[in-house]
């Protein structure tokens, strides 16, 4: 079993409810990936301080609730998912929170999923961190292989990611930022009790 560094650790003992992201990821501020998500220290600290996660739902992975500007994390995935996958996926979703604050539409249906600049950048953050942690290229492809993407789409996404990480531009970024529709999607809905009763974590998100 690989012994990952402590920054990768995700606290897995929390019951369903809403929490500060830093409660789930106590080593988050030490992660080098944060520099790629937000380069300015003050903005980085503000992003982390405001990031919230609602653990709920019996299936799925994670997504950003654009109406409430928080991450929704499937309870099943939180409990049973691989720790490193959880770490990388939460970095991915934190990138989406920053993009949402910039005015991007995270569900912009004018572009295919693998051509959305928001997805390419968020996956690039996760892929760069996975490589830093020693992932092989086959493990990178395995990480990117998700149920809603075909093999060809995974290859296209990886091509976009590699191009961006090599210093290239994000695809469709200008079109995506200007004149974007605001689409609300929920891959699943949480029970009212989980959504209405956030846990008291002693934090005061600003």
Protein backbone atom coordinates (compact mmCIF):
# COMPACT_ATOMS: atom_id res chain seq x y z
CA UNK A 1 0.00 0.00 0.00
CA UNK A 2 1.41 3.39 -1.00
CA UNK A 3 2.07 5.80 1.86
CA UNK A 4 0.91 9.15 0.49
CA UNK A 5 2.08 12.44 2.04
CA UNK A 6 -0.12 13.95 4.74
CA UNK A 7 -1.39 16.71 2.42
CA UNK A 8 -3.34 14.02 0.56
CA UNK A 9 -5.27 12.90 3.65
CA UNK A 10 -9.03 13.36 3.54
CA UNK A 11 -10.91 13.09 6.84
CA UNK A 12 -13.37 10.24 6.32
CA UNK A 13 -15.23 10.20 9.65
CA UNK A 14 -17.67 13.10 9.17
CA UNK A 15 -21.42 12.39 9.02
CA UNK A 16 -23.54 13.81 6.18
CA UNK A 17 -23.80 17.58 6.37
CA UNK A 18 -22.05 20.78 5.33
CA UNK A 19 -18.47 21.56 6.28
CA UNK A 20 -15.59 23.84 5.49
CA UNK A 21 -13.44 22.17 2.82
CA UNK A 22 -10.46 22.55 5.15
CA UNK A 23 -12.17 20.20 7.63
CA UNK A 24 -12.11 17.44 5.04
CA UNK A 25 -8.63 18.37 3.81
CA UNK A 26 -6.59 19.54 6.81
CA UNK A 27 -3.40 19.65 4.72
CA UNK A 28 -4.95 21.65 1.89
CA UNK A 29 -3.01 24.86 2.46
CA UNK A 30 0.24 22.90 2.15
CA UNK A 31 -0.70 21.39 -1.22
CA UNK A 32 1.44 22.67 -4.13
CA UNK A 33 -1.65 22.30 -6.32
CA UNK A 34 -3.18 25.35 -4.67
CA UNK A 35 -0.59 27.54 -6.39
CA UNK A 36 -1.94 26.41 -9.73
CA UNK A 37 -5.54 27.01 -8.71
CA UNK A 38 -4.85 30.51 -7.37
CA UNK A 39 -1.43 32.14 -7.63
CA UNK A 40 -1.98 35.12 -5.30
CA UNK A 41 -1.64 34.18 -1.63
CA UNK A 42 -4.42 36.45 -0.37
CA UNK A 43 -6.84 35.16 -3.01
CA UNK A 44 -5.76 31.59 -2.28
CA UNK A 45 -6.46 31.96 1.43
CA UNK A 46 -9.81 33.59 0.72
CA UNK A 47 -10.81 30.82 -1.68
CA UNK A 48 -10.01 28.09 0.84
CA UNK A 49 -11.71 29.97 3.69
CA UNK A 50 -14.93 30.28 1.70
CA UNK A 51 -14.98 26.77 0.23
CA UNK A 52 -17.78 24.61 1.60
CA UNK A 53 -18.66 20.95 1.01
CA UNK A 54 -22.04 19.30 1.47
CA UNK A 55 -21.74 15.54 1.93
CA UNK A 56 -24.97 13.95 0.76
CA UNK A 57 -26.51 11.62 -1.77
CA UNK A 58 -26.28 7.86 -2.19
CA UNK A 59 -24.33 7.75 -5.45
CA UNK A 60 -22.23 9.78 -7.88
CA UNK A 61 -18.94 11.59 -7.32
CA UNK A 62 -18.78 15.36 -6.83
CA UNK A 63 -19.97 18.55 -8.50
CA UNK A 64 -20.37 22.26 -7.77
CA UNK A 65 -23.78 23.57 -6.75
CA UNK A 66 -23.63 26.88 -8.62
CA UNK A 67 -26.67 28.32 -6.83
CA UNK A 68 -25.12 27.97 -3.38
CA UNK A 69 -21.47 28.07 -4.53
CA UNK A 70 -20.40 24.92 -2.72
CA UNK A 71 -19.13 21.45 -3.52
CA UNK A 72 -21.58 18.54 -3.35
CA UNK A 73 -19.84 15.28 -2.46
CA UNK A 74 -21.63 11.96 -2.70
CA UNK A 75 -21.78 10.24 0.68
CA UNK A 76 -21.02 6.88 -0.92
CA UNK A 77 -17.95 8.25 -2.72
CA UNK A 78 -16.81 10.05 0.42
CA UNK A 79 -16.96 6.81 2.41
CA UNK A 80 -15.77 4.29 -0.18
CA UNK A 81 -13.74 6.21 -2.77
CA UNK A 82 -9.97 5.91 -3.00
CA UNK A 83 -8.30 8.56 -0.87
CA UNK A 84 -6.07 9.89 -3.63
CA UNK A 85 -9.01 10.12 -6.03
CA UNK A 86 -10.95 12.09 -3.42
CA UNK A 87 -8.00 14.44 -2.90
CA UNK A 88 -7.61 15.06 -6.63
CA UNK A 89 -11.35 15.43 -7.22
CA UNK A 90 -11.71 17.97 -4.42
CA UNK A 91 -8.86 19.98 -5.96
CA UNK A 92 -10.76 19.76 -9.26
CA UNK A 93 -13.95 21.07 -7.63
CA UNK A 94 -12.08 23.82 -5.77
CA UNK A 95 -10.83 25.00 -9.17
CA UNK A 96 -14.46 25.16 -10.29
CA UNK A 97 -15.34 27.32 -7.27
CA UNK A 98 -12.67 29.80 -8.30
CA UNK A 99 -13.90 29.75 -11.91
CA UNK A 100 -17.46 30.33 -10.75
CA UNK A 101 -16.30 33.43 -8.91
CA UNK A 102 -14.70 34.65 -12.14
CA UNK A 103 -18.02 34.45 -13.97
CA UNK A 104 -17.63 31.17 -15.87
CA UNK A 105 -20.67 29.00 -16.46
CA UNK A 106 -19.60 25.58 -15.22
CA UNK A 107 -22.40 23.83 -17.13
CA UNK A 108 -21.96 25.73 -20.40
CA UNK A 109 -23.68 23.48 -22.92
CA UNK A 110 -22.33 25.40 -25.93
CA UNK A 111 -19.24 23.20 -25.63
CA UNK A 112 -18.75 19.48 -25.28
CA UNK A 113 -17.64 18.45 -21.79
CA UNK A 114 -14.04 17.77 -22.84
CA UNK A 115 -13.85 21.11 -24.71
CA UNK A 116 -15.02 23.28 -21.82
CA UNK A 117 -12.12 25.41 -20.57
CA UNK A 118 -13.40 25.03 -17.03
CA UNK A 119 -13.12 21.24 -17.21
CA UNK A 120 -9.76 21.27 -18.97
CA UNK A 121 -8.25 23.55 -16.32
CA UNK A 122 -9.77 21.63 -13.40
CA UNK A 123 -8.52 18.32 -14.78
CA UNK A 124 -5.13 19.91 -15.47
CA UNK A 125 -4.81 20.84 -11.78
CA UNK A 126 -5.57 17.24 -10.80
CA UNK A 127 -3.30 15.72 -13.46
CA UNK A 128 -0.35 17.97 -12.60
CA UNK A 129 -0.69 17.06 -8.94
CA UNK A 130 -1.05 13.36 -9.75
CA UNK A 131 2.16 13.48 -11.78
CA UNK A 132 3.93 15.29 -8.95
CA UNK A 133 2.86 12.43 -6.67
CA UNK A 134 4.34 9.87 -9.05
CA UNK A 135 1.42 8.71 -11.21
CA UNK A 136 2.41 6.91 -14.39
CA UNK A 137 0.79 7.94 -17.66
CA UNK A 138 -1.38 4.82 -17.61
CA UNK A 139 -2.55 5.77 -14.11
CA UNK A 140 -3.32 9.28 -15.36
CA UNK A 141 -5.50 7.84 -18.12
CA UNK A 142 -7.18 5.55 -15.60
CA UNK A 143 -7.94 8.53 -13.37
CA UNK A 144 -9.48 10.43 -16.30
CA UNK A 145 -11.58 7.42 -17.33
CA UNK A 146 -14.99 8.23 -15.88
CA UNK A 147 -18.40 6.71 -16.72
CA UNK A 148 -19.60 9.67 -18.81
CA UNK A 149 -16.60 9.77 -21.19
CA UNK A 150 -15.73 7.46 -24.06
CA UNK A 151 -12.18 6.31 -24.70
CA UNK A 152 -11.88 8.84 -27.51
CA UNK A 153 -13.14 11.64 -25.28
CA UNK A 154 -10.62 10.72 -22.57
CA UNK A 155 -7.84 10.94 -25.14
CA UNK A 156 -9.08 14.33 -26.35
CA UNK A 157 -9.35 15.64 -22.78
CA UNK A 158 -5.82 14.45 -22.00
CA UNK A 159 -4.58 16.20 -25.13
CA UNK A 160 -6.16 19.48 -24.01
CA UNK A 161 -4.74 19.04 -20.52
CA UNK A 162 -1.21 18.33 -21.76
CA UNK A 163 -1.34 21.29 -24.14
CA UNK A 164 -2.46 23.63 -21.36
CA UNK A 165 0.16 22.34 -18.91
CA UNK A 166 2.84 22.83 -21.57
CA UNK A 167 2.01 26.52 -21.69
CA UNK A 168 -0.82 26.52 -24.18
CA UNK A 169 -4.19 28.18 -23.96
CA UNK A 170 -7.42 26.73 -22.67
CA UNK A 171 -9.85 25.84 -25.46
CA UNK A 172 -12.80 28.19 -25.99
CA UNK A 173 -11.82 30.34 -23.00
CA UNK A 174 -12.81 33.71 -24.50
CA UNK A 175 -16.17 32.48 -25.75
CA UNK A 176 -16.83 30.76 -22.43
CA UNK A 177 -16.20 33.83 -20.28
CA UNK A 178 -18.12 36.37 -22.35
CA UNK A 179 -21.79 35.93 -23.06
CA UNK A 180 -22.02 32.66 -21.17
CA UNK A 181 -25.50 31.45 -20.23
CA UNK A 182 -26.00 30.55 -16.58
CA UNK A 183 -27.06 26.92 -16.48
CA UNK A 184 -28.06 25.18 -13.26
CA UNK A 185 -27.68 21.42 -13.14
CA UNK A 186 -27.80 18.93 -10.28
CA UNK A 187 -26.55 15.41 -11.11
CA UNK A 188 -28.45 14.45 -7.97
CA UNK A 189 -30.49 16.18 -5.29
CA UNK A 190 -29.81 15.99 -1.59
CA UNK A 191 -32.42 15.17 1.00
CA UNK A 192 -33.91 18.25 2.63
CA UNK A 193 -32.59 17.25 6.05
CA UNK A 194 -28.98 17.09 4.86
CA UNK A 195 -29.26 20.40 3.03
CA UNK A 196 -31.06 22.26 5.79
CA UNK A 197 -28.95 21.22 8.77
CA UNK A 198 -25.30 22.09 8.23
CA UNK A 199 -22.88 20.96 10.90
CA UNK A 200 -21.56 23.55 13.33
CA UNK A 201 -17.84 23.44 12.64
CA UNK A 202 -16.93 26.60 14.53
CA UNK A 203 -15.88 28.34 11.31
CA UNK A 204 -17.14 31.63 9.99
CA UNK A 205 -16.81 31.53 6.19
CA UNK A 206 -16.42 35.04 4.86
